[in-house]
PDB file of N, CA and C in Angstrom:
ATOM      1  N   MET A   1     -12.051 -32.967  44.056  1.00  0.00           N
ATOM      2  CA  MET A   1     -10.647 -33.272  43.879  1.00  0.00           C
ATOM      3  C   MET A   1     -10.119 -33.925  45.144  1.00  0.00           C
ATOM      4  N   SER A   2      -9.329 -34.964  44.991  1.00  0.00           N
ATOM      5  CA  SER A   2      -8.751 -35.631  46.147  1.00  0.00           C
ATOM      6  C   SER A   2      -7.326 -36.059  45.811  1.00  0.00           C
ATOM      7  N   TYR A   3      -6.563 -36.312  46.846  1.00  0.00           N
ATOM      8  CA  TYR A   3      -5.170 -36.704  46.719  1.00  0.00           C
ATOM      9  C   TYR A   3      -4.913 -37.955  47.532  1.00  0.00           C
ATOM     10  N   ARG A   4      -3.901 -38.698  47.147  1.00  0.00           N
ATOM     11  CA  ARG A   4      -3.389 -39.764  48.004  1.00  0.00           C
ATOM     12  C   ARG A   4      -2.685 -39.119  49.181  1.00  0.00           C
ATOM     13  N   LEU A   5      -2.715 -39.755  50.317  1.00  0.00           N
ATOM     14  CA  LEU A   5      -2.091 -39.200  51.517  1.00  0.00           C
ATOM     15  C   LEU A   5      -0.601 -38.997  51.333  1.00  0.00           C
ATOM     16  N   ASP A   6       0.105 -39.964  50.745  1.00  0.00           N
ATOM     17  CA  ASP A   6       1.550 -39.817  50.575  1.00  0.00           C
ATOM     18  C   ASP A   6       1.900 -38.644  49.655  1.00  0.00           C
ATOM     19  N   LYS A   7       1.120 -38.432  48.626  1.00  0.00           N
ATOM     20  CA  LYS A   7       1.375 -37.311  47.721  1.00  0.00           C
ATOM     21  C   LYS A   7       1.105 -35.974  48.417  1.00  0.00           C
ATOM     22  N   PHE A   8       0.043 -35.919  49.209  1.00  0.00           N
ATOM     23  CA  PHE A   8      -0.285 -34.672  49.909  1.00  0.00           C
ATOM     24  C   PHE A   8       0.790 -34.329  50.940  1.00  0.00           C
ATOM     25  N   VAL A   9       1.260 -35.329  51.693  1.00  0.00           N
ATOM     26  CA  VAL A   9       2.308 -35.104  52.702  1.00  0.00           C
ATOM     27  C   VAL A   9       3.567 -34.568  52.029  1.00  0.00           C
ATOM     28  N   TRP A  10       3.908 -35.100  50.870  1.00  0.00           N
ATOM     29  CA  TRP A  10       5.072 -34.619  50.120  1.00  0.00           C
ATOM     30  C   TRP A  10       4.830 -33.207  49.578  1.00  0.00           C
ATOM     31  N   CYS A  11       3.623 -32.930  49.075  1.00  0.00           N
ATOM     32  CA  CYS A  11       3.305 -31.613  48.493  1.00  0.00           C
ATOM     33  C   CYS A  11       3.404 -30.483  49.514  1.00  0.00           C
ATOM     34  N   VAL A  12       3.027 -30.751  50.751  1.00  0.00           N
ATOM     35  CA  VAL A  12       3.071 -29.698  51.766  1.00  0.00           C
ATOM     36  C   VAL A  12       4.375 -29.743  52.560  1.00  0.00           C
ATOM     37  N   ARG A  13       5.329 -30.532  52.070  1.00  0.00           N
ATOM     38  CA  ARG A  13       6.691 -30.594  52.587  1.00  0.00           C
ATOM     39  C   ARG A  13       6.807 -31.077  54.030  1.00  0.00           C
ATOM     40  N   LEU A  14       5.997 -32.054  54.400  1.00  0.00           N
ATOM     41  CA  LEU A  14       6.192 -32.707  55.691  1.00  0.00           C
ATOM     42  C   LEU A  14       7.320 -33.726  55.606  1.00  0.00           C
ATOM     43  N   THR A  15       7.611 -34.213  54.385  1.00  0.00           N
ATOM     44  CA  THR A  15       8.758 -35.081  54.120  1.00  0.00           C
ATOM     45  C   THR A  15       9.478 -34.560  52.879  1.00  0.00           C
ATOM     46  N   LYS A  16      10.745 -34.964  52.735  1.00  0.00           N
ATOM     47  CA  LYS A  16      11.541 -34.472  51.607  1.00  0.00           C
ATOM     48  C   LYS A  16      11.189 -35.158  50.292  1.00  0.00           C
ATOM     49  N   THR A  17      10.865 -36.440  50.348  1.00  0.00           N
ATOM     50  CA  THR A  17      10.552 -37.176  49.122  1.00  0.00           C
ATOM     51  C   THR A  17       9.239 -37.931  49.298  1.00  0.00           C
ATOM     52  N   ARG A  18       8.663 -38.325  48.182  1.00  0.00           N
ATOM     53  CA  ARG A  18       7.407 -39.070  48.250  1.00  0.00           C
ATOM     54  C   ARG A  18       7.638 -40.479  48.785  1.00  0.00           C
ATOM     55  N   SER A  19       8.798 -41.058  48.488  1.00  0.00           N
ATOM     56  CA  SER A  19       9.086 -42.389  49.023  1.00  0.00           C
ATOM     57  C   SER A  19       9.267 -42.339  50.538  1.00  0.00           C
ATOM     58  N   GLN A  20       9.835 -41.249  51.061  1.00  0.00           N
ATOM     59  CA  GLN A  20       9.921 -41.076  52.513  1.00  0.00           C
ATOM     60  C   GLN A  20       8.529 -40.947  53.110  1.00  0.00           C
ATOM     61  N   ALA A  21       7.650 -40.244  52.431  1.00  0.00           N
ATOM     62  CA  ALA A  21       6.279 -40.097  52.906  1.00  0.00           C
ATOM     63  C   ALA A  21       5.609 -41.462  53.000  1.00  0.00           C
ATOM     64  N   THR A  22       5.807 -42.315  51.998  1.00  0.00           N
ATOM     65  CA  THR A  22       5.229 -43.648  52.001  1.00  0.00           C
ATOM     66  C   THR A  22       5.764 -44.475  53.166  1.00  0.00           C
ATOM     67  N   GLN A  23       7.062 -44.384  53.431  1.00  0.00           N
ATOM     68  CA  GLN A  23       7.667 -45.131  54.527  1.00  0.00           C
ATOM     69  C   GLN A  23       7.158 -44.664  55.880  1.00  0.00           C
ATOM     70  N   VAL A  24       7.082 -43.361  56.073  1.00  0.00           N
ATOM     71  CA  VAL A  24       6.649 -42.798  57.362  1.00  0.00           C
ATOM     72  C   VAL A  24       5.184 -43.152  57.628  1.00  0.00           C
ATOM     73  N   ILE A  25       4.359 -43.077  56.607  1.00  0.00           N
ATOM     74  CA  ILE A  25       2.943 -43.439  56.766  1.00  0.00           C
ATOM     75  C   ILE A  25       2.828 -44.927  57.079  1.00  0.00           C
ATOM     76  N   GLY A  26       3.621 -45.748  56.411  1.00  0.00           N
ATOM     77  CA  GLY A  26       3.607 -47.185  56.653  1.00  0.00           C
ATOM     78  C   GLY A  26       4.015 -47.555  58.067  1.00  0.00           C
ATOM     79  N   LYS A  27       4.899 -46.772  58.675  1.00  0.00           N
ATOM     80  CA  LYS A  27       5.338 -47.010  60.053  1.00  0.00           C
ATOM     81  C   LYS A  27       4.332 -46.492  61.077  1.00  0.00           C
ATOM     82  N   GLY A  28       3.308 -45.779  60.627  1.00  0.00           N
ATOM     83  CA  GLY A  28       2.295 -45.265  61.545  1.00  0.00           C
ATOM     84  C   GLY A  28       2.648 -43.937  62.183  1.00  0.00           C
ATOM     85  N   LYS A  29       3.659 -43.248  61.663  1.00  0.00           N
ATOM     86  CA  LYS A  29       4.059 -41.963  62.230  1.00  0.00           C
ATOM     87  C   LYS A  29       3.265 -40.791  61.674  1.00  0.00           C
ATOM     88  N   ILE A  30       2.513 -41.039  60.628  1.00  0.00           N
ATOM     89  CA  ILE A  30       1.565 -40.048  60.113  1.00  0.00           C
ATOM     90  C   ILE A  30       0.204 -40.716  60.097  1.00  0.00           C
ATOM     91  N   ARG A  31      -0.756 -40.070  60.744  1.00  0.00           N
ATOM     92  CA  ARG A  31      -2.103 -40.624  60.854  1.00  0.00           C
ATOM     93  C   ARG A  31      -3.097 -39.672  60.221  1.00  0.00           C
ATOM     94  N   LEU A  32      -4.178 -40.221  59.738  1.00  0.00           N
ATOM     95  CA  LEU A  32      -5.253 -39.443  59.129  1.00  0.00           C
ATOM     96  C   LEU A  32      -6.488 -39.595  60.000  1.00  0.00           C
ATOM     97  N   ASN A  33      -6.977 -38.493  60.520  1.00  0.00           N
ATOM     98  CA  ASN A  33      -8.144 -38.497  61.414  1.00  0.00           C
ATOM     99  C   ASN A  33      -7.952 -39.467  62.577  1.00  0.00           C
ATOM    100  N   GLN A  34      -6.754 -39.449  63.157  1.00  0.00           N
ATOM    101  CA  GLN A  34      -6.364 -40.237  64.328  1.00  0.00           C
ATOM    102  C   GLN A  34      -6.393 -41.736  64.086  1.00  0.00           C
ATOM    103  N   ALA A  35      -6.328 -42.157  62.832  1.00  0.00           N
ATOM    104  CA  ALA A  35      -6.308 -43.575  62.498  1.00  0.00           C
ATOM    105  C   ALA A  35      -5.086 -43.872  61.630  1.00  0.00           C
ATOM    106  N   THR A  36      -4.487 -45.024  61.859  1.00  0.00           N
ATOM    107  CA  THR A  36      -3.377 -45.465  61.021  1.00  0.00           C
ATOM    108  C   THR A  36      -3.959 -45.938  59.696  1.00  0.00           C
ATOM    109  N   VAL A  37      -3.449 -45.389  58.598  1.00  0.00           N
ATOM    110  CA  VAL A  37      -3.977 -45.715  57.277  1.00  0.00           C
ATOM    111  C   VAL A  37      -2.830 -46.069  56.337  1.00  0.00           C
ATOM    112  N   LYS A  38      -3.181 -46.536  55.153  1.00  0.00           N
ATOM    113  CA  LYS A  38      -2.191 -46.851  54.120  1.00  0.00           C
ATOM    114  C   LYS A  38      -1.869 -45.578  53.334  1.00  0.00           C
ATOM    115  N   PRO A  39      -0.708 -45.535  52.673  1.00  0.00           N
ATOM    116  CA  PRO A  39      -0.311 -44.346  51.907  1.00  0.00           C
ATOM    117  C   PRO A  39      -1.278 -43.981  50.779  1.00  0.00           C
ATOM    118  N   ALA A  40      -2.016 -44.931  50.261  1.00  0.00           N
ATOM    119  CA  ALA A  40      -2.913 -44.667  49.133  1.00  0.00           C
ATOM    120  C   ALA A  40      -4.271 -44.115  49.572  1.00  0.00           C
ATOM    121  N   LYS A  41      -4.499 -43.945  50.857  1.00  0.00           N
ATOM    122  CA  LYS A  41      -5.775 -43.420  51.357  1.00  0.00           C
ATOM    123  C   LYS A  41      -6.005 -42.023  50.798  1.00  0.00           C
ATOM    124  N   GLU A  42      -7.211 -41.761  50.334  1.00  0.00           N
ATOM    125  CA  GLU A  42      -7.557 -40.460  49.766  1.00  0.00           C
ATOM    126  C   GLU A  42      -7.833 -39.454  50.897  1.00  0.00           C
ATOM    127  N   VAL A  43      -7.300 -38.242  50.763  1.00  0.00           N
ATOM    128  CA  VAL A  43      -7.574 -37.169  51.724  1.00  0.00           C
ATOM    129  C   VAL A  43      -8.548 -36.196  51.089  1.00  0.00           C
ATOM    130  N   LYS A  44      -9.289 -35.494  51.943  1.00  0.00           N
ATOM    131  CA  LYS A  44     -10.238 -34.496  51.444  1.00  0.00           C
ATOM    132  C   LYS A  44     -10.246 -33.308  52.393  1.00  0.00           C
ATOM    133  N   LEU A  45     -10.928 -32.251  52.005  1.00  0.00           N
ATOM    134  CA  LEU A  45     -10.986 -31.049  52.827  1.00  0.00           C
ATOM    135  C   LEU A  45     -11.546 -31.368  54.209  1.00  0.00           C
ATOM    136  N   GLY A  46     -10.953 -30.775  55.227  1.00  0.00           N
ATOM    137  CA  GLY A  46     -11.422 -30.953  56.590  1.00  0.00           C
ATOM    138  C   GLY A  46     -10.776 -32.114  57.324  1.00  0.00           C
ATOM    139  N   ASP A  47     -10.020 -32.966  56.637  1.00  0.00           N
ATOM    140  CA  ASP A  47      -9.339 -34.079  57.302  1.00  0.00           C
ATOM    141  C   ASP A  47      -8.221 -33.545  58.194  1.00  0.00           C
ATOM    142  N   ASP A  48      -7.912 -34.294  59.248  1.00  0.00           N
ATOM    143  CA  ASP A  48      -6.815 -33.944  60.153  1.00  0.00           C
ATOM    144  C   ASP A  48      -5.658 -34.902  59.933  1.00  0.00           C
ATOM    145  N   ILE A  49      -4.447 -34.349  59.872  1.00  0.00           N
ATOM    146  CA  ILE A  49      -3.238 -35.146  59.731  1.00  0.00           C
ATOM    147  C   ILE A  49      -2.425 -34.949  60.995  1.00  0.00           C
ATOM    148  N   GLN A  50      -1.999 -36.062  61.616  1.00  0.00           N
ATOM    149  CA  GLN A  50      -1.143 -36.001  62.786  1.00  0.00           C
ATOM    150  C   GLN A  50       0.229 -36.562  62.411  1.00  0.00           C
ATOM    151  N   LEU A  51       1.277 -35.793  62.709  1.00  0.00           N
ATOM    152  CA  LEU A  51       2.656 -36.198  62.466  1.00  0.00           C
ATOM    153  C   LEU A  51       3.308 -36.425  63.815  1.00  0.00           C
ATOM    154  N   ILE A  52       3.774 -37.651  64.075  1.00  0.00           N
ATOM    155  CA  ILE A  52       4.430 -37.988  65.332  1.00  0.00           C
ATOM    156  C   ILE A  52       5.926 -37.983  65.077  1.00  0.00           C
ATOM    157  N   GLN A  53       6.633 -37.091  65.786  1.00  0.00           N
ATOM    158  CA  GLN A  53       8.060 -36.917  65.548  1.00  0.00           C
ATOM    159  C   GLN A  53       8.750 -36.575  66.862  1.00  0.00           C
ATOM    160  N   ASN A  54       9.722 -37.374  67.265  1.00  0.00           N
ATOM    161  CA  ASN A  54      10.490 -37.134  68.491  1.00  0.00           C
ATOM    162  C   ASN A  54       9.597 -36.924  69.711  1.00  0.00           C
ATOM    163  N   ASN A  55       8.666 -37.828  69.929  1.00  0.00           N
ATOM    164  CA  ASN A  55       7.746 -37.792  71.073  1.00  0.00           C
ATOM    165  C   ASN A  55       6.842 -36.563  71.092  1.00  0.00           C
ATOM    166  N   ALA A  56       6.702 -35.888  69.985  1.00  0.00           N
ATOM    167  CA  ALA A  56       5.792 -34.746  69.861  1.00  0.00           C
ATOM    168  C   ALA A  56       4.808 -35.055  68.734  1.00  0.00           C
ATOM    169  N   THR A  57       3.587 -34.567  68.891  1.00  0.00           N
ATOM    170  CA  THR A  57       2.572 -34.765  67.857  1.00  0.00           C
ATOM    171  C   THR A  57       2.183 -33.416  67.284  1.00  0.00           C
ATOM    172  N   PHE A  58       2.314 -33.280  65.974  1.00  0.00           N
ATOM    173  CA  PHE A  58       1.944 -32.066  65.276  1.00  0.00           C
ATOM    174  C   PHE A  58       0.661 -32.349  64.494  1.00  0.00           C
ATOM    175  N   SER A  59      -0.326 -31.474  64.633  1.00  0.00           N
ATOM    176  CA  SER A  59      -1.611 -31.673  63.970  1.00  0.00           C
ATOM    177  C   SER A  59      -1.836 -30.615  62.904  1.00  0.00           C
ATOM    178  N   PHE A  60      -2.372 -31.050  61.775  1.00  0.00           N
ATOM    179  CA  PHE A  60      -2.657 -30.160  60.662  1.00  0.00           C
ATOM    180  C   PHE A  60      -4.059 -30.471  60.151  1.00  0.00           C
ATOM    181  N   ARG A  61      -4.794 -29.451  59.748  1.00  0.00           N
ATOM    182  CA  ARG A  61      -6.108 -29.643  59.142  1.00  0.00           C
ATOM    183  C   ARG A  61      -6.008 -29.217  57.680  1.00  0.00           C
ATOM    184  N   ILE A  62      -6.554 -30.016  56.798  1.00  0.00           N
ATOM    185  CA  ILE A  62      -6.513 -29.719  55.370  1.00  0.00           C
ATOM    186  C   ILE A  62      -7.581 -28.677  55.071  1.00  0.00           C
ATOM    187  N   ILE A  63      -7.136 -27.499  54.631  1.00  0.00           N
ATOM    188  CA  ILE A  63      -8.073 -26.436  54.287  1.00  0.00           C
ATOM    189  C   ILE A  63      -8.096 -26.162  52.786  1.00  0.00           C
ATOM    190  N   GLN A  64      -7.117 -26.731  52.074  1.00  0.00           N
ATOM    191  CA  GLN A  64      -7.066 -26.542  50.622  1.00  0.00           C
ATOM    192  C   GLN A  64      -6.271 -27.685  50.010  1.00  0.00           C
ATOM    193  N   LEU A  65      -6.743 -28.220  48.899  1.00  0.00           N
ATOM    194  CA  LEU A  65      -5.995 -29.224  48.155  1.00  0.00           C
ATOM    195  C   LEU A  65      -5.200 -28.516  47.066  1.00  0.00           C
ATOM    196  N   LEU A  66      -3.985 -28.963  46.840  1.00  0.00           N
ATOM    197  CA  LEU A  66      -3.054 -28.268  45.961  1.00  0.00           C
ATOM    198  C   LEU A  66      -2.906 -28.979  44.630  1.00  0.00           C
ATOM    199  N   ASN A  67      -2.576 -28.217  43.591  1.00  0.00           N
ATOM    200  CA  ASN A  67      -2.326 -28.795  42.271  1.00  0.00           C
ATOM    201  C   ASN A  67      -0.895 -29.271  42.116  1.00  0.00           C
ATOM    202  N   LYS A  68       0.030 -28.635  42.842  1.00  0.00           N
ATOM    203  CA  LYS A  68       1.436 -29.004  42.757  1.00  0.00           C
ATOM    204  C   LYS A  68       2.111 -28.732  44.087  1.00  0.00           C
ATOM    205  N   ARG A  69       3.380 -29.081  44.200  1.00  0.00           N
ATOM    206  CA  ARG A  69       4.122 -28.951  45.455  1.00  0.00           C
ATOM    207  C   ARG A  69       4.291 -27.474  45.823  1.00  0.00           C
ATOM    208  N   VAL A  70       4.176 -27.193  47.107  1.00  0.00           N
ATOM    209  CA  VAL A  70       4.275 -25.830  47.630  1.00  0.00           C
ATOM    210  C   VAL A  70       5.749 -25.449  47.742  1.00  0.00           C
ATOM    211  N   GLY A  71       6.068 -24.201  47.411  1.00  0.00           N
ATOM    212  CA  GLY A  71       7.410 -23.699  47.566  1.00  0.00           C
ATOM    213  C   GLY A  71       7.806 -23.601  49.031  1.00  0.00           C
ATOM    214  N   ALA A  72       9.096 -23.725  49.302  1.00  0.00           N
ATOM    215  CA  ALA A  72       9.578 -23.730  50.687  1.00  0.00           C
ATOM    216  C   ALA A  72       9.251 -22.433  51.418  1.00  0.00           C
ATOM    217  N   LYS A  73       9.251 -21.327  50.729  1.00  0.00           N
ATOM    218  CA  LYS A  73       8.969 -20.040  51.370  1.00  0.00           C
ATOM    219  C   LYS A  73       7.515 -19.950  51.838  1.00  0.00           C
ATOM    220  N   LEU A  74       6.620 -20.629  51.152  1.00  0.00           N
ATOM    221  CA  LEU A  74       5.204 -20.589  51.540  1.00  0.00           C
ATOM    222  C   LEU A  74       4.912 -21.456  52.756  1.00  0.00           C
ATOM    223  N   VAL A  75       5.738 -22.441  53.011  1.00  0.00           N
ATOM    224  CA  VAL A  75       5.510 -23.361  54.121  1.00  0.00           C
ATOM    225  C   VAL A  75       5.871 -22.722  55.454  1.00  0.00           C
ATOM    226  N   SER A  76       6.969 -22.040  55.527  1.00  0.00           N
ATOM    227  CA  SER A  76       7.445 -21.495  56.815  1.00  0.00           C
ATOM    228  C   SER A  76       6.711 -20.287  57.231  1.00  0.00           C
TER     229      SER A  76
END
């Protein structure tokens, strides 16, 4: 099972909407395995996602692929 990067970023609530996820990825503020990629890039288990926000870099490792969007209580 694999997901598009923009859909995965939206599912784990790194952005509020999927269109915002597409825009942020297009600007290079979200990277996959330290490389700038397109929003349609497929993600898989073990990939690293870097989110660059306000001069800070947040890193996440994919440990599970989801069937649907995660609830807000599960994220925090």
